[in-house]
Amino acid sequence: MIVKTIGSGSSGNGYALISGEDILLLECGVPAKEMLKAIDYQTSMVNGCILSHIHGDHAGYIKQYIQYGIMVYTSDEVETDVETVIECINEIKPDIVIIDSIQTMNRQDIASAAGSVPQVREATNAFMHIAKSLGISMFIVGHVTKEGAIAGPRVLEHMVDCVLYFEGEQAMGYRILRAAKNRFGSTNEIGVFEMDEEGLREVPNPSEMLLSGRPLNAPGTCVACAMEGTRPVLAEVQVLVSRTSFNVPRRTSNGFDFNRANLLLAVTEKRGGLNISMCDAYVNVIGGLYLDEPAADLALVLAVASSHRDTPIDPKTLAIGEVGLTGEVRAVTSMQQRLTEAARLGFTRCIVPRHSTKQLQVPDGLELIRVRNIREAIEMAL
């Protein structure tokens, strides 16, 4: 094995370990071009670069190594001192900084323990100042509770510009990125990612993914179209209605507001003519989505009717509309975008409110079924 020293000391550290055709670099303290010239090898022959710790004379040119396609590996050493991290950021000037996690960071001039409110507040304030002064993007990772909310007081959420939540069921292979706060844009946009053997990758068509594997000719299922910001997303609403064996029926809801689901079940019985007062009802939205807009009301009502009558809805049919207490079906916003997305995914029938379709351009191959109330919608769907 040959060990070459390209740089050492405060001017920059860089070493190369050469064993036959295997080359391993140590430290990124010298320019990548100078390092490769010194060892007289191409980047394709370099196995990687090991970085002992984050400091200017060890990691000053890390961006160049990454640009050359050299994989850089860092050590397990963790730096928790805020002043030291800020000093490294000033020396390296990276494009992106990730602090994982803010509850472990500590300022020596504050007497309280790491993770306390004063420490979190002052550390976050220091990182925000350096990020804005250098014009870099900084991600601050915070601990979360079992319910998925950021642990501790809301001081961290109040200070930063954007709060992102990475959600998803543990058994599911995909994750949803939501913005709970965004000073520079909408909080209604989502990003859908799928976990595979190579890591997370973006899902460009969430609707197609959420509807994949949908059972055909199965009672108790109906497709709804929800707006996530400006993006229409089609989701499957499933309902199981069965005669209860207890004095009080059991009602559960997953992915749909529980109180809203109970309200729609009552409207379905009173205005839709279905005797479900002594039936258990289980509501589920496939894919881990949470439908919190009124446009999904009609799909839930039709899924309840389908399960109660044990009659499937045409798999090429979806329902869009808000349901009122008198059983009327009301108009919703962004109807044109919803219809376009439905037609793009091959749906041929769409049950919509009657008075919301006058100025719409109906996509080719999509038939609109206009209804005034849920009784008409149930009869047309079943």
Protein backbone atom coordinates (compact mmCIF):
# COMPACT_ATOMS: atom_id res chain seq x y z
CA MET A 1 0.00 0.00 0.00
CA ILE A 2 1.23 3.48 -0.89
CA VAL A 3 0.32 6.50 1.23
CA LYS A 4 0.66 9.91 -0.42
CA THR A 5 0.37 13.20 1.44
CA ILE A 6 -0.95 15.95 -0.80
CA GLY A 7 -1.67 18.50 1.92
CA SER A 8 -1.28 18.78 5.67
CA GLY A 9 -1.86 21.39 8.33
CA SER A 10 -3.95 24.54 8.39
CA SER A 11 -3.48 25.10 4.65
CA GLY A 12 -5.51 21.98 3.90
CA ASN A 13 -5.36 18.25 4.55
CA GLY A 14 -5.45 15.60 1.85
CA TYR A 15 -4.11 12.05 1.66
CA ALA A 16 -4.37 9.13 -0.74
CA LEU A 17 -4.17 5.40 0.00
CA ILE A 18 -3.22 3.41 -3.14
CA SER A 19 -3.32 -0.36 -3.18
CA GLY A 20 -3.10 -1.79 -6.68
CA GLU A 21 -6.10 -0.45 -8.57
CA ASP A 22 -7.94 0.58 -5.40
CA ILE A 23 -7.65 4.24 -4.36
CA LEU A 24 -9.08 5.75 -1.18
CA LEU A 25 -8.83 9.45 -0.43
CA LEU A 26 -8.70 10.93 3.07
CA GLU A 27 -9.99 14.45 3.82
CA CYS A 28 -11.22 17.12 1.41
CA GLY A 29 -8.93 19.94 2.49
CA VAL A 30 -7.19 20.39 -0.88
CA PRO A 31 -8.82 21.09 -4.26
CA ALA A 32 -10.09 17.97 -5.98
CA LYS A 33 -8.23 18.78 -9.20
CA GLU A 34 -4.96 19.17 -7.30
CA MET A 35 -5.56 15.89 -5.47
CA LEU A 36 -6.22 13.91 -8.65
CA LYS A 37 -3.25 15.48 -10.41
CA ALA A 38 -0.96 14.57 -7.54
CA ILE A 39 -1.92 10.88 -7.63
CA ASP A 40 -2.21 10.85 -11.46
CA TYR A 41 -5.52 8.95 -11.50
CA GLN A 42 -8.95 9.50 -12.99
CA THR A 43 -12.03 10.01 -10.84
CA SER A 44 -13.51 6.71 -12.09
CA MET A 45 -10.65 4.88 -10.35
CA VAL A 46 -11.29 6.49 -6.95
CA ASN A 47 -13.41 4.37 -4.61
CA GLY A 48 -14.33 7.28 -2.35
CA CYS A 49 -13.14 9.84 0.16
CA ILE A 50 -13.32 9.51 3.95
CA LEU A 51 -13.83 12.70 5.91
CA SER A 52 -12.69 12.48 9.54
CA HIS A 53 -14.61 15.54 10.76
CA ILE A 54 -16.19 18.76 9.53
CA HIS A 55 -13.63 21.56 9.64
CA GLY A 56 -12.30 24.06 7.13
CA ASP A 57 -8.88 22.47 6.62
CA HIS A 58 -10.41 19.00 6.31
CA ALA A 59 -13.65 19.65 4.38
CA GLY A 60 -13.04 22.98 2.63
CA TYR A 61 -13.43 21.51 -0.89
CA ILE A 62 -16.05 18.86 -0.24
CA LYS A 63 -18.36 20.38 -2.88
CA GLN A 64 -15.67 19.91 -5.57
CA TYR A 65 -15.26 16.24 -4.73
CA ILE A 66 -19.00 15.68 -4.98
CA GLN A 67 -19.10 17.53 -8.30
CA TYR A 68 -16.35 15.23 -9.60
CA GLY A 69 -18.57 12.26 -8.72
CA ILE A 70 -16.48 11.09 -5.78
CA MET A 71 -18.51 9.63 -2.93
CA VAL A 72 -17.63 11.35 0.36
CA TYR A 73 -18.09 9.41 3.61
CA THR A 74 -18.17 11.17 6.96
CA SER A 75 -17.27 9.72 10.32
CA ASP A 76 -19.62 9.00 13.18
CA GLU A 77 -18.38 12.04 15.07
CA VAL A 78 -21.24 14.36 16.00
CA GLU A 79 -20.81 18.06 16.64
CA THR A 80 -23.38 19.58 18.98
CA ASP A 81 -21.79 22.96 19.74
CA VAL A 82 -23.62 25.72 17.89
CA GLU A 83 -20.61 28.05 17.62
CA THR A 84 -18.43 25.28 16.14
CA VAL A 85 -21.06 24.37 13.56
CA ILE A 86 -21.47 28.02 12.55
CA GLU A 87 -17.70 28.37 12.21
CA CYS A 88 -17.61 25.37 9.87
CA ILE A 89 -20.49 26.77 7.82
CA ASN A 90 -18.63 30.06 7.41
CA GLU A 91 -15.51 28.23 6.22
CA ILE A 92 -17.12 25.69 3.88
CA LYS A 93 -20.08 27.83 2.67
CA PRO A 94 -22.21 24.86 1.56
CA ASP A 95 -25.38 25.10 -0.50
CA ILE A 96 -27.47 23.09 1.97
CA VAL A 97 -27.09 22.51 5.71
CA ILE A 98 -29.06 19.88 7.64
CA ILE A 99 -29.19 20.10 11.45
CA ASP A 100 -30.29 16.76 12.88
CA SER A 101 -31.60 17.41 15.38
CA ILE A 102 -32.06 20.84 16.88
CA GLN A 103 -32.82 19.33 20.32
CA THR A 104 -29.23 18.04 20.53
CA MET A 105 -27.58 21.39 19.76
CA ASN A 106 -26.06 23.34 22.63
CA ARG A 107 -24.85 26.89 23.22
CA GLN A 108 -22.17 27.28 25.85
CA ASP A 109 -23.39 30.72 26.94
CA ILE A 110 -26.80 29.35 28.00
CA ALA A 111 -26.98 27.48 31.29
CA SER A 112 -29.99 25.29 30.48
CA ALA A 113 -29.68 21.78 29.08
CA ALA A 114 -29.80 20.91 25.39
CA GLY A 115 -33.36 20.55 24.14
CA SER A 116 -34.79 23.13 26.53
CA VAL A 117 -36.80 26.05 25.20
CA PRO A 118 -33.97 28.63 25.63
CA GLN A 119 -31.47 26.35 23.89
CA VAL A 120 -33.79 25.54 21.00
CA ARG A 121 -34.77 29.19 20.58
CA GLU A 122 -31.24 30.59 20.61
CA ALA A 123 -29.74 27.81 18.49
CA THR A 124 -32.45 28.20 15.88
CA ASN A 125 -32.02 31.97 15.88
CA ALA A 126 -28.25 31.59 15.31
CA PHE A 127 -28.75 29.14 12.45
CA MET A 128 -31.38 31.37 10.85
CA HIS A 129 -29.01 34.34 10.98
CA ILE A 130 -26.14 32.49 9.30
CA ALA A 131 -28.46 30.96 6.67
CA LYS A 132 -29.91 34.33 5.65
CA SER A 133 -26.56 36.14 5.74
CA LEU A 134 -24.90 33.55 3.46
CA GLY A 135 -27.98 32.85 1.34
CA ILE A 136 -27.99 29.09 1.96
CA SER A 137 -30.83 26.65 2.54
CA MET A 138 -31.00 25.13 6.00
CA PHE A 139 -33.12 22.22 7.15
CA ILE A 140 -33.64 21.88 10.90
CA VAL A 141 -34.89 18.47 12.02
CA GLY A 142 -36.97 18.43 15.19
CA HIS A 143 -38.08 15.58 17.42
CA VAL A 144 -41.71 14.53 17.09
CA THR A 145 -44.18 12.95 19.47
CA LYS A 146 -45.98 9.65 18.96
CA GLU A 147 -48.86 11.60 17.42
CA GLY A 148 -46.51 13.06 14.80
CA ALA A 149 -46.39 16.66 16.11
CA ILE A 150 -43.16 18.52 16.84
CA ALA A 151 -42.16 17.82 20.44
CA GLY A 152 -42.15 20.59 23.03
CA PRO A 153 -43.43 24.16 22.77
CA ARG A 154 -44.24 25.70 19.40
CA VAL A 155 -41.27 28.07 19.55
CA LEU A 156 -39.44 26.22 16.77
CA GLU A 157 -42.40 26.38 14.38
CA HIS A 158 -42.92 30.08 15.06
CA MET A 159 -39.32 31.01 14.22
CA VAL A 160 -38.68 29.21 10.94
CA ASP A 161 -39.98 30.12 7.48
CA CYS A 162 -41.41 26.72 6.59
CA VAL A 163 -42.60 23.70 8.58
CA LEU A 164 -42.63 20.37 6.74
CA TYR A 165 -44.07 17.08 7.94
CA PHE A 166 -43.03 13.75 6.45
CA GLU A 167 -46.07 11.52 6.89
CA GLY A 168 -47.09 8.01 6.00
CA GLU A 169 -48.21 4.72 7.42
CA GLN A 170 -45.39 2.56 8.74
CA ALA A 171 -46.43 -0.41 6.64
CA MET A 172 -46.86 1.66 3.47
CA GLY A 173 -44.08 2.06 0.93
CA TYR A 174 -44.73 5.73 0.17
CA ARG A 175 -44.55 8.97 2.14
CA ILE A 176 -46.32 12.30 1.84
CA LEU A 177 -44.49 15.59 2.38
CA ARG A 178 -46.84 18.30 3.67
CA ALA A 179 -46.23 21.94 4.52
CA ALA A 180 -47.90 23.07 7.74
CA LYS A 181 -46.40 26.55 7.42
CA ASN A 182 -44.91 28.31 4.41
CA ARG A 183 -44.06 31.99 4.22
CA PHE A 184 -43.19 31.76 0.53
CA GLY A 185 -46.07 29.76 -0.92
CA SER A 186 -49.13 27.63 -0.36
CA THR A 187 -49.43 25.16 2.50
CA ASN A 188 -51.81 22.95 0.52
CA GLU A 189 -49.24 21.45 -1.84
CA ILE A 190 -47.97 17.94 -1.20
CA GLY A 191 -45.12 15.81 -2.44
CA VAL A 192 -45.51 12.05 -2.75
CA PHE A 193 -42.46 9.81 -2.46
CA GLU A 194 -42.06 6.05 -2.69
CA MET A 195 -39.51 3.99 -0.83
CA ASP A 196 -37.73 1.35 -2.90
CA GLU A 197 -34.42 -0.48 -2.74
CA GLU A 198 -32.54 2.64 -3.90
CA GLY A 199 -34.18 4.99 -1.40
CA LEU A 200 -36.90 7.61 -1.75
CA ARG A 201 -38.00 8.65 -5.21
CA GLU A 202 -40.65 11.10 -6.32
CA VAL A 203 -44.01 9.82 -7.50
CA PRO A 204 -44.95 12.07 -10.44
CA ASN A 205 -48.53 10.75 -10.65
CA PRO A 206 -49.97 10.28 -7.13
CA SER A 207 -53.52 9.57 -8.35
CA GLU A 208 -52.44 6.59 -10.42
CA MET A 209 -50.40 5.26 -7.52
CA LEU A 210 -53.22 5.64 -4.98
CA LEU A 211 -55.69 3.84 -7.25
CA SER A 212 -53.35 0.98 -8.16
CA GLY A 213 -54.58 -2.39 -6.90
CA ARG A 214 -58.16 -1.16 -6.56
CA PRO A 215 -60.59 -4.09 -6.47
CA LEU A 216 -63.10 -4.28 -9.30
CA ASN A 217 -66.82 -4.81 -8.73
CA ALA A 218 -66.40 -4.64 -4.95
CA PRO A 219 -69.25 -3.10 -2.92
CA GLY A 220 -68.49 -0.25 -0.55
CA THR A 221 -65.88 1.64 -2.58
CA CYS A 222 -66.04 4.91 -4.50
CA VAL A 223 -63.41 7.27 -5.94
CA ALA A 224 -63.22 10.90 -4.80
CA CYS A 225 -61.15 13.76 -6.19
CA ALA A 226 -59.50 16.05 -3.64
CA MET A 227 -57.45 19.17 -4.30
CA GLU A 228 -54.04 19.24 -2.64
CA GLY A 229 -53.14 22.84 -3.35
CA THR A 230 -53.41 23.18 -7.12
CA ARG A 231 -53.00 19.45 -7.74
CA PRO A 232 -56.06 17.20 -8.09
CA VAL A 233 -55.55 13.84 -6.41
CA LEU A 234 -57.90 10.89 -6.87
CA ALA A 235 -58.34 8.69 -3.82
CA GLU A 236 -60.42 5.61 -3.05
CA VAL A 237 -62.93 5.85 -0.21
CA GLN A 238 -63.94 2.51 1.30
CA VAL A 239 -66.84 1.91 3.68
CA LEU A 240 -67.95 -1.29 5.37
CA VAL A 241 -71.50 -1.29 6.75
CA SER A 242 -72.71 -4.33 8.68
CA ARG A 243 -75.44 -5.10 11.18
CA THR A 244 -74.20 -4.49 14.71
CA SER A 245 -74.31 -7.07 17.48
CA PHE A 246 -74.28 -4.44 20.23
CA ASN A 247 -76.78 -1.94 21.53
CA VAL A 248 -74.74 0.99 20.23
CA PRO A 249 -73.27 0.73 16.70
CA ARG A 250 -69.56 1.16 16.33
CA ARG A 251 -68.23 3.87 13.99
CA THR A 252 -64.55 4.31 13.07
CA SER A 253 -62.84 6.52 10.52
CA ASN A 254 -59.34 6.46 9.04
CA GLY A 255 -58.30 9.27 6.69
CA PHE A 256 -61.63 11.08 7.08
CA ASP A 257 -62.78 13.41 9.85
CA PHE A 258 -64.68 11.30 12.39
CA ASN A 259 -67.33 13.90 13.18
CA ARG A 260 -67.85 14.65 9.50
CA ALA A 261 -68.25 10.94 8.78
CA ASN A 262 -70.90 10.59 11.50
CA LEU A 263 -72.74 13.60 10.10
CA LEU A 264 -72.78 12.13 6.60
CA LEU A 265 -73.96 8.76 7.92
CA ALA A 266 -76.91 10.50 9.59
CA VAL A 267 -77.73 12.44 6.41
CA THR A 268 -77.50 9.25 4.36
CA GLU A 269 -80.05 7.51 6.58
CA LYS A 270 -82.45 10.45 6.86
CA ARG A 271 -82.28 11.86 3.32
CA GLY A 272 -81.06 8.84 1.38
CA GLY A 273 -83.60 6.36 2.69
CA LEU A 274 -81.09 3.84 4.08
CA ASN A 275 -81.71 2.14 7.42
CA ILE A 276 -78.19 2.17 8.88
CA SER A 277 -78.91 3.40 12.41
CA MET A 278 -78.23 -0.09 13.83
CA CYS A 279 -75.24 -0.82 11.63
CA ASP A 280 -71.55 -0.62 12.34
CA ALA A 281 -69.73 1.65 9.88
CA TYR A 282 -66.01 1.62 9.11
CA VAL A 283 -64.58 4.36 6.87
CA ASN A 284 -61.13 4.14 5.32
CA VAL A 285 -59.24 6.27 2.76
CA ILE A 286 -56.68 4.19 0.87
CA GLY A 287 -53.08 5.34 0.70
CA GLY A 288 -52.70 7.24 3.95
CA LEU A 289 -54.35 10.39 2.59
CA TYR A 290 -56.51 12.56 4.82
CA LEU A 291 -59.50 13.97 2.97
CA ASP A 292 -60.44 17.17 4.77
CA GLU A 293 -62.35 19.01 2.06
CA PRO A 294 -66.13 18.83 1.41
CA ALA A 295 -65.69 17.58 -2.16
CA ALA A 296 -65.22 14.04 -0.82
CA ASP A 297 -68.63 14.00 0.91
CA LEU A 298 -70.56 12.54 -2.02
CA ALA A 299 -68.04 9.72 -2.54
CA LEU A 300 -68.42 8.66 1.09
CA VAL A 301 -72.22 8.71 0.88
CA LEU A 302 -72.18 6.55 -2.26
CA ALA A 303 -69.70 4.13 -0.68
CA VAL A 304 -72.03 3.79 2.33
CA ALA A 305 -75.00 3.07 0.05
CA SER A 306 -72.99 0.60 -2.00
CA SER A 307 -71.90 -1.33 1.07
CA HIS A 308 -75.37 -1.30 2.62
CA ARG A 309 -77.03 -2.59 -0.57
CA ASP A 310 -74.08 -4.89 -1.31
CA THR A 311 -74.03 -3.51 -4.84
CA PRO A 312 -70.78 -2.35 -6.48
CA ILE A 313 -70.38 1.02 -8.17
CA ASP A 314 -69.04 1.09 -11.72
CA PRO A 315 -65.21 1.19 -11.31
CA LYS A 316 -65.02 3.91 -13.98
CA THR A 317 -67.29 6.21 -11.95
CA LEU A 318 -66.21 8.86 -9.45
CA ALA A 319 -68.18 11.32 -7.36
CA ILE A 320 -67.48 14.99 -6.61
CA GLY A 321 -69.64 17.19 -4.41
CA GLU A 322 -70.39 18.56 -0.97
CA VAL A 323 -73.38 17.17 0.91
CA GLY A 324 -75.57 19.40 3.09
CA LEU A 325 -77.79 18.48 6.02
CA THR A 326 -80.88 18.46 3.83
CA GLY A 327 -79.25 15.95 1.49
CA GLU A 328 -78.54 18.44 -1.29
CA VAL A 329 -75.36 18.12 -3.35
CA ARG A 330 -73.52 21.42 -3.54
CA ALA A 331 -70.86 22.74 -5.88
CA VAL A 332 -67.15 22.72 -5.05
CA THR A 333 -64.18 24.68 -6.33
CA SER A 334 -61.68 23.70 -9.06
CA MET A 335 -64.19 21.45 -10.80
CA GLN A 336 -62.50 21.80 -14.18
CA GLN A 337 -59.15 20.54 -12.88
CA ARG A 338 -60.85 17.62 -11.15
CA LEU A 339 -62.68 16.54 -14.31
CA THR A 340 -59.52 16.81 -16.41
CA GLU A 341 -57.63 14.58 -13.97
CA ALA A 342 -60.48 12.04 -13.93
CA ALA A 343 -60.58 11.86 -17.73
CA ARG A 344 -56.80 11.52 -17.91
CA LEU A 345 -56.94 8.43 -15.68
CA GLY A 346 -59.63 6.78 -17.80
CA PHE A 347 -62.83 7.47 -15.85
CA THR A 348 -65.95 7.61 -18.02
CA ARG A 349 -68.68 8.75 -15.59
CA CYS A 350 -68.63 11.49 -12.98
CA ILE A 351 -71.46 12.28 -10.57
CA VAL A 352 -71.45 16.03 -9.91
CA PRO A 353 -73.78 18.73 -8.53
CA ARG A 354 -76.34 19.86 -11.10
CA HIS A 355 -75.78 23.62 -10.88
CA SER A 356 -71.95 23.51 -11.05
CA THR A 357 -71.53 22.21 -14.61
CA LYS A 358 -72.90 25.00 -16.79
CA GLN A 359 -69.60 26.69 -17.70
CA LEU A 360 -67.41 23.60 -17.69
CA GLN A 361 -65.60 22.14 -20.67
CA VAL A 362 -66.29 18.44 -20.34
CA PRO A 363 -63.28 16.33 -21.43
CA ASP A 364 -63.80 13.87 -24.24
CA GLY A 365 -64.95 10.45 -23.10
CA LEU A 366 -66.25 11.67 -19.74
CA GLU A 367 -70.00 11.67 -19.06
CA LEU A 368 -71.34 14.00 -16.39
CA ILE A 369 -74.25 12.82 -14.29
CA ARG A 370 -75.92 15.85 -12.73
CA VAL A 371 -77.77 15.31 -9.46
CA ARG A 372 -79.61 17.59 -7.03
CA ASN A 373 -79.46 15.45 -3.89
CA ILE A 374 -77.99 12.25 -2.52
CA ARG A 375 -81.12 10.21 -3.28
CA GLU A 376 -80.69 10.93 -6.98
CA ALA A 377 -76.96 10.24 -6.73
CA ILE A 378 -77.52 6.85 -5.09
CA GLU A 379 -80.02 5.80 -7.72
CA MET A 380 -77.73 6.87 -10.58
CA ALA A 381 -74.66 5.20 -9.08
CA LEU A 382 -76.33 1.92 -8.14
